Amino acid sequence: MEPHTVQSRLKLSVIFTFFIFIIELAGGWIANSLALMSDAAHMFADVFSLSLSWFALKVSERPSTATKTYGYHRFEILAAFLNGLLLIVLAVGIWHEAYQRFHHPHEVQSGIVIGVAILGLLTNLAVISFLKSPFHETNDLNLKSAFYHVLGDSLASVGVIVGGVVMLYTGWYAADALIGAGIGILIVWGAKTLLSDSLHILLEGVPRGVSVQDVERELTAIPAIRNVHELHIWCICSNIYALSAHALVHDQKVNQARFILDEARNMLKAKFNIAHSTIQLESSPCANSHM
């Protein structure tokens, strides 16, 4: 899918989600429902995540500079990390309020809760349909986190609807606090994955699904390469991988080295999605070869 199409869908998703966030926040306030306001908080996280995803895609299009030679791709990771922290703060606030309300239940306007939650669920399903194609066609961390946020919020809306029906027919208003606390758990679950993935990239971790041993084995399978050492693999962002390595090769003319490098780079791109590779060819073992 073209980047401008993804951006258009993200912008439309932001508009819809922000509209429902306002409605759920106002509805939760009027209905005195923590569950609905918690769902609004989760929806706000969706707005934040979708907005960051759109902004990260825009920023990543900027060309590299003399001081930022890889461009602005890392902004995506910083945005994802900040989004994860925001989710943790929201969840703690929800749990605190849920504890208070469970011990001192408040009367809730259940009819308003059900109506607003149904509207929120329908909007979330529409946003999921907008994001489904981009989600399956990219590894962008923010876009994936936004998709999972909206999917989780759809489940939360279902929970709010069920709780609203329970309160409507039983008058057991403590259910509102329990649903709010449950949504807090859902928020933390999403934040945990988001923080883990973004920290892994910020710490220059090996890309998920890529094995250093497999890369080394494939490189040494090239007939001209005898040994690989000083092998480093990392993520520039969630879908751009880089590699640097020393490769010990048989002594040969310099103009023949190009064919070795072409074969290695093509293999790395095709098998491991490593688009940026720097391979230093050596005709004799260096001090770091550990041979």
Protein backbone atom coordinates (compact mmCIF):
# COMPACT_ATOMS: atom_id res chain seq x y z
CA MET A 1 0.00 0.00 0.00
CA GLU A 2 1.30 3.45 -0.92
CA PRO A 3 2.54 5.64 2.00
CA HIS A 4 0.13 8.47 1.16
CA THR A 5 -2.80 6.01 1.26
CA VAL A 6 -1.71 4.77 4.70
CA GLN A 7 -1.42 8.38 5.89
CA SER A 8 -4.90 9.21 4.58
CA ARG A 9 -6.41 6.25 6.41
CA LEU A 10 -4.57 7.18 9.59
CA LYS A 11 -5.83 10.77 9.44
CA LEU A 12 -9.40 9.59 8.93
CA SER A 13 -9.01 7.17 11.84
CA VAL A 14 -7.71 9.97 14.08
CA ILE A 15 -10.74 12.15 13.27
CA PHE A 16 -13.25 9.38 14.00
CA THR A 17 -11.47 8.24 17.16
CA PHE A 18 -11.13 11.76 18.56
CA PHE A 19 -14.84 12.39 17.95
CA ILE A 20 -15.80 9.26 19.92
CA PHE A 21 -13.27 10.10 22.64
CA ILE A 22 -15.06 13.41 23.26
CA ILE A 23 -18.47 11.71 23.28
CA GLU A 24 -17.32 8.95 25.67
CA LEU A 25 -15.64 11.45 27.99
CA ALA A 26 -18.75 13.63 28.13
CA GLY A 27 -21.02 10.58 28.41
CA GLY A 28 -18.93 9.11 31.22
CA TRP A 29 -19.03 12.40 33.10
CA ILE A 30 -22.80 12.78 32.70
CA ALA A 31 -23.51 9.12 33.49
CA ASN A 32 -21.01 9.13 36.39
CA SER A 33 -19.42 5.97 34.91
CA LEU A 34 -15.76 5.12 35.56
CA ALA A 35 -15.98 2.29 33.01
CA LEU A 36 -17.04 4.70 30.27
CA MET A 37 -14.43 7.29 31.26
CA SER A 38 -11.79 4.52 31.34
CA ASP A 39 -12.84 3.54 27.85
CA ALA A 40 -12.51 7.21 26.90
CA ALA A 41 -8.98 7.19 28.36
CA HIS A 42 -8.20 4.13 26.27
CA MET A 43 -9.70 5.92 23.28
CA PHE A 44 -7.48 8.93 24.01
CA ALA A 45 -4.49 6.57 23.90
CA ASP A 46 -5.76 5.44 20.50
CA VAL A 47 -5.93 9.05 19.31
CA PHE A 48 -2.40 9.65 20.59
CA SER A 49 -1.07 6.46 19.00
CA LEU A 50 -2.76 7.06 15.65
CA SER A 51 -1.57 10.68 15.59
CA LEU A 52 1.99 9.65 16.37
CA SER A 53 1.85 6.97 13.68
CA TRP A 54 0.73 9.51 11.11
CA PHE A 55 3.31 12.08 12.25
CA ALA A 56 6.09 9.46 12.31
CA LEU A 57 5.28 8.49 8.70
CA LYS A 58 5.44 12.15 7.68
CA VAL A 59 8.72 12.77 9.50
CA SER A 60 10.32 9.57 8.16
CA GLU A 61 9.88 10.94 4.63
CA ARG A 62 12.32 13.75 5.37
CA PRO A 63 15.73 13.19 3.75
CA SER A 64 18.86 12.42 5.72
CA THR A 65 21.16 15.29 6.67
CA ALA A 66 24.83 15.75 7.50
CA THR A 67 24.01 15.37 11.21
CA LYS A 68 21.25 12.74 10.88
CA THR A 69 22.65 10.36 8.30
CA TYR A 70 19.84 7.80 8.73
CA GLY A 71 17.17 10.49 8.50
CA TYR A 72 14.34 10.68 11.03
CA HIS A 73 13.22 7.04 11.14
CA ARG A 74 13.99 6.74 14.86
CA PHE A 75 11.22 9.23 15.62
CA GLU A 76 8.82 6.31 15.17
CA ILE A 77 10.48 4.46 18.05
CA LEU A 78 10.58 7.48 20.35
CA ALA A 79 6.89 8.08 19.65
CA ALA A 80 6.05 4.46 20.46
CA PHE A 81 8.04 4.62 23.71
CA LEU A 82 6.29 7.82 24.84
CA ASN A 83 2.93 6.29 23.97
CA GLY A 84 3.73 3.27 26.17
CA LEU A 85 4.61 5.51 29.12
CA LEU A 86 1.39 7.47 28.68
CA LEU A 87 -0.63 4.25 28.79
CA ILE A 88 0.98 3.24 32.10
CA VAL A 89 0.12 6.59 33.67
CA LEU A 90 -3.50 6.35 32.47
CA ALA A 91 -3.85 2.82 33.84
CA VAL A 92 -2.54 3.78 37.29
CA GLY A 93 -5.03 6.64 37.47
CA ILE A 94 -7.89 4.35 36.46
CA TRP A 95 -6.94 1.73 39.07
CA HIS A 96 -6.83 4.35 41.82
CA GLU A 97 -10.30 5.60 40.95
CA ALA A 98 -11.62 2.03 40.56
CA TYR A 99 -10.42 1.17 44.08
CA GLN A 100 -12.25 4.16 45.51
CA ARG A 101 -15.45 3.44 43.63
CA PHE A 102 -15.51 -0.26 44.40
CA HIS A 103 -15.59 0.48 48.13
CA HIS A 104 -17.96 3.42 47.68
CA PRO A 105 -20.11 2.69 44.59
CA HIS A 106 -21.74 5.59 42.76
CA GLU A 107 -25.05 5.43 40.98
CA VAL A 108 -24.55 5.19 37.22
CA GLN A 109 -26.88 6.21 34.38
CA SER A 110 -26.74 2.79 32.73
CA GLY A 111 -28.78 3.69 29.65
CA ILE A 112 -26.31 6.44 28.68
CA VAL A 113 -23.39 4.08 29.28
CA ILE A 114 -24.83 1.41 26.97
CA GLY A 115 -25.72 3.87 24.18
CA VAL A 116 -22.37 5.65 24.16
CA ALA A 117 -20.41 2.37 24.40
CA ILE A 118 -22.29 0.96 21.40
CA LEU A 119 -21.42 4.09 19.41
CA GLY A 120 -17.78 3.72 20.46
CA LEU A 121 -17.74 0.05 19.45
CA LEU A 122 -19.14 0.81 16.00
CA THR A 123 -16.53 3.53 15.48
CA ASN A 124 -13.72 1.22 16.58
CA LEU A 125 -14.87 -1.42 14.11
CA ALA A 126 -14.86 1.18 11.35
CA VAL A 127 -11.30 2.28 12.27
CA ILE A 128 -10.16 -1.37 12.33
CA SER A 129 -11.44 -1.76 8.77
CA PHE A 130 -9.43 1.33 7.74
CA LEU A 131 -6.23 0.01 9.32
CA LYS A 132 -6.55 -3.67 8.44
CA SER A 133 -4.82 -3.50 5.04
CA PRO A 134 -1.90 -1.26 6.17
CA PHE A 135 -1.47 -3.48 9.26
CA HIS A 136 -0.93 -6.60 7.15
CA GLU A 137 1.41 -4.84 4.70
CA THR A 138 3.89 -3.14 7.04
CA ASN A 139 6.12 -3.78 10.06
CA ASP A 140 5.79 -0.18 11.29
CA LEU A 141 5.75 -0.35 15.09
CA ASN A 142 3.46 2.65 15.60
CA LEU A 143 0.95 1.47 13.03
CA LYS A 144 0.83 -1.98 14.60
CA SER A 145 0.49 -0.51 18.09
CA ALA A 146 -2.32 1.75 16.87
CA PHE A 147 -4.12 -1.24 15.35
CA TYR A 148 -3.83 -3.23 18.59
CA HIS A 149 -4.94 -0.20 20.63
CA VAL A 150 -8.13 0.08 18.59
CA LEU A 151 -8.69 -3.68 18.71
CA GLY A 152 -8.27 -3.63 22.49
CA ASP A 153 -10.60 -0.67 22.78
CA SER A 154 -13.24 -2.60 20.85
CA LEU A 155 -13.04 -5.36 23.47
CA ALA A 156 -13.20 -2.73 26.21
CA SER A 157 -16.35 -1.25 24.65
CA VAL A 158 -17.95 -4.69 24.66
CA GLY A 159 -17.09 -4.98 28.35
CA VAL A 160 -18.64 -1.57 29.07
CA ILE A 161 -21.82 -2.58 27.24
CA VAL A 162 -22.09 -5.81 29.23
CA GLY A 163 -21.46 -3.92 32.47
CA GLY A 164 -24.07 -1.35 31.55
CA VAL A 165 -26.65 -4.07 31.00
CA VAL A 166 -25.75 -5.69 34.35
CA MET A 167 -26.14 -2.38 36.18
CA LEU A 168 -29.36 -1.58 34.34
CA TYR A 169 -31.08 -4.80 35.45
CA THR A 170 -29.44 -5.42 38.84
CA GLY A 171 -28.40 -2.02 40.16
CA TRP A 172 -24.99 -3.48 41.14
CA TYR A 173 -22.93 -0.34 40.52
CA ALA A 174 -19.68 -1.87 41.77
CA ALA A 175 -19.55 -3.52 38.35
CA ASP A 176 -18.64 -0.11 36.93
CA ALA A 177 -15.44 -0.03 39.02
CA LEU A 178 -14.55 -3.61 38.12
CA ILE A 179 -14.92 -2.95 34.40
CA GLY A 180 -12.84 0.20 34.74
CA ALA A 181 -10.08 -1.77 36.48
CA GLY A 182 -10.27 -4.43 33.76
CA ILE A 183 -9.79 -1.80 31.08
CA GLY A 184 -6.76 -0.58 33.05
CA ILE A 185 -5.28 -4.09 32.81
CA LEU A 186 -5.95 -4.10 29.08
CA ILE A 187 -4.16 -0.75 28.74
CA VAL A 188 -1.10 -2.00 30.66
CA TRP A 189 -0.95 -5.16 28.54
CA GLY A 190 -0.69 -3.03 25.40
CA ALA A 191 1.84 -0.70 27.01
CA LYS A 192 4.05 -3.60 28.09
CA THR A 193 4.47 -4.87 24.52
CA LEU A 194 4.97 -1.36 23.17
CA LEU A 195 7.64 -0.45 25.73
CA SER A 196 9.42 -3.79 25.31
CA ASP A 197 9.62 -3.50 21.51
CA SER A 198 10.67 0.15 21.49
CA LEU A 199 13.32 -0.35 24.18
CA HIS A 200 14.70 -3.34 22.28
CA ILE A 201 15.22 -1.14 19.23
CA LEU A 202 16.60 1.81 21.21
CA LEU A 203 19.15 -0.57 22.78
CA GLU A 204 20.26 -1.67 19.29
CA GLY A 205 18.81 -5.16 19.73
CA VAL A 206 18.83 -7.70 16.91
CA PRO A 207 15.58 -7.41 14.90
CA ARG A 208 12.78 -9.74 15.98
CA GLY A 209 12.77 -12.86 13.85
CA VAL A 210 16.40 -12.46 12.74
CA SER A 211 19.06 -14.83 14.09
CA VAL A 212 22.72 -13.78 14.17
CA GLN A 213 23.70 -17.43 13.77
CA ASP A 214 21.50 -17.81 10.68
CA VAL A 215 22.94 -14.66 9.10
CA GLU A 216 26.50 -15.83 9.78
CA ARG A 217 25.74 -19.26 8.32
CA GLU A 218 24.25 -17.79 5.14
CA LEU A 219 27.19 -15.40 4.67
CA THR A 220 29.78 -18.14 5.09
CA ALA A 221 27.81 -20.28 2.64
CA ILE A 222 28.96 -17.87 -0.07
CA PRO A 223 31.95 -19.69 -1.64
CA ALA A 224 34.29 -16.69 -1.59
CA ILE A 225 33.74 -15.97 2.13
CA ARG A 226 35.82 -18.07 4.53
CA ASN A 227 34.82 -16.49 7.83
CA VAL A 228 32.60 -13.73 9.26
CA HIS A 229 33.37 -11.82 12.47
CA GLU A 230 32.59 -8.46 14.09
CA LEU A 231 29.01 -9.16 13.02
CA HIS A 232 26.45 -6.61 14.27
CA ILE A 233 22.77 -6.44 13.35
CA TRP A 234 20.36 -3.78 14.60
CA CYS A 235 17.17 -1.86 13.79
CA ILE A 236 17.14 1.70 12.55
CA CYS A 237 13.37 1.60 13.08
CA SER A 238 10.84 -1.22 13.25
CA ASN A 239 11.02 -2.12 9.55
CA ILE A 240 14.53 -1.00 8.51
CA TYR A 241 17.42 -3.28 9.50
CA ALA A 242 21.16 -2.68 9.28
CA LEU A 243 24.28 -4.85 9.45
CA SER A 244 28.03 -4.41 9.69
CA ALA A 245 30.62 -7.19 9.52
CA HIS A 246 34.17 -8.22 8.65
CA ALA A 247 34.41 -11.01 6.05
CA LEU A 248 37.56 -13.01 5.49
CA VAL A 249 37.86 -13.90 1.78
CA HIS A 250 40.38 -15.60 -0.46
CA ASP A 251 43.06 -13.25 -1.76
CA GLN A 252 41.98 -11.80 -5.10
CA LYS A 253 41.91 -8.67 -7.22
CA VAL A 254 40.05 -5.65 -5.89
CA ASN A 255 37.69 -5.49 -8.87
CA GLN A 256 36.47 -9.01 -8.04
CA ALA A 257 35.35 -7.93 -4.57
CA ARG A 258 32.32 -6.17 -6.00
CA PHE A 259 30.75 -9.48 -7.00
CA ILE A 260 31.18 -10.88 -3.48
CA LEU A 261 29.58 -7.81 -1.94
CA ASP A 262 26.70 -7.86 -4.42
CA GLU A 263 25.98 -11.50 -3.67
CA ALA A 264 26.13 -10.92 0.10
CA ARG A 265 23.93 -7.83 0.03
CA ASN A 266 21.33 -9.42 -2.23
CA MET A 267 21.13 -12.43 0.05
CA LEU A 268 20.78 -10.28 3.19
CA LYS A 269 17.98 -8.26 1.61
CA ALA A 270 16.10 -11.28 0.26
CA LYS A 271 16.37 -13.59 3.29
CA PHE A 272 16.56 -11.22 6.27
CA ASN A 273 15.15 -7.86 5.03
CA ILE A 274 18.49 -6.21 5.87
CA ALA A 275 18.61 -3.26 3.48
CA HIS A 276 21.62 -1.41 4.95
CA SER A 277 24.78 -3.53 5.10
CA THR A 278 28.42 -2.59 5.45
CA ILE A 279 30.82 -5.49 4.90
CA GLN A 280 34.56 -5.06 5.23
CA LEU A 281 36.44 -7.62 3.15
CA GLU A 282 39.77 -8.93 4.48
CA SER A 283 42.31 -11.22 2.83
CA SER A 284 44.04 -12.13 6.11
CA PRO A 285 42.68 -12.59 9.66
CA CYS A 286 42.41 -9.38 11.67
CA ALA A 287 42.91 -9.01 15.42
CA ASN A 288 39.15 -9.35 16.05
CA SER A 289 38.57 -12.48 14.00
CA HIS A 290 38.98 -14.86 17.00
CA MET A 291 40.48 -17.52 14.71
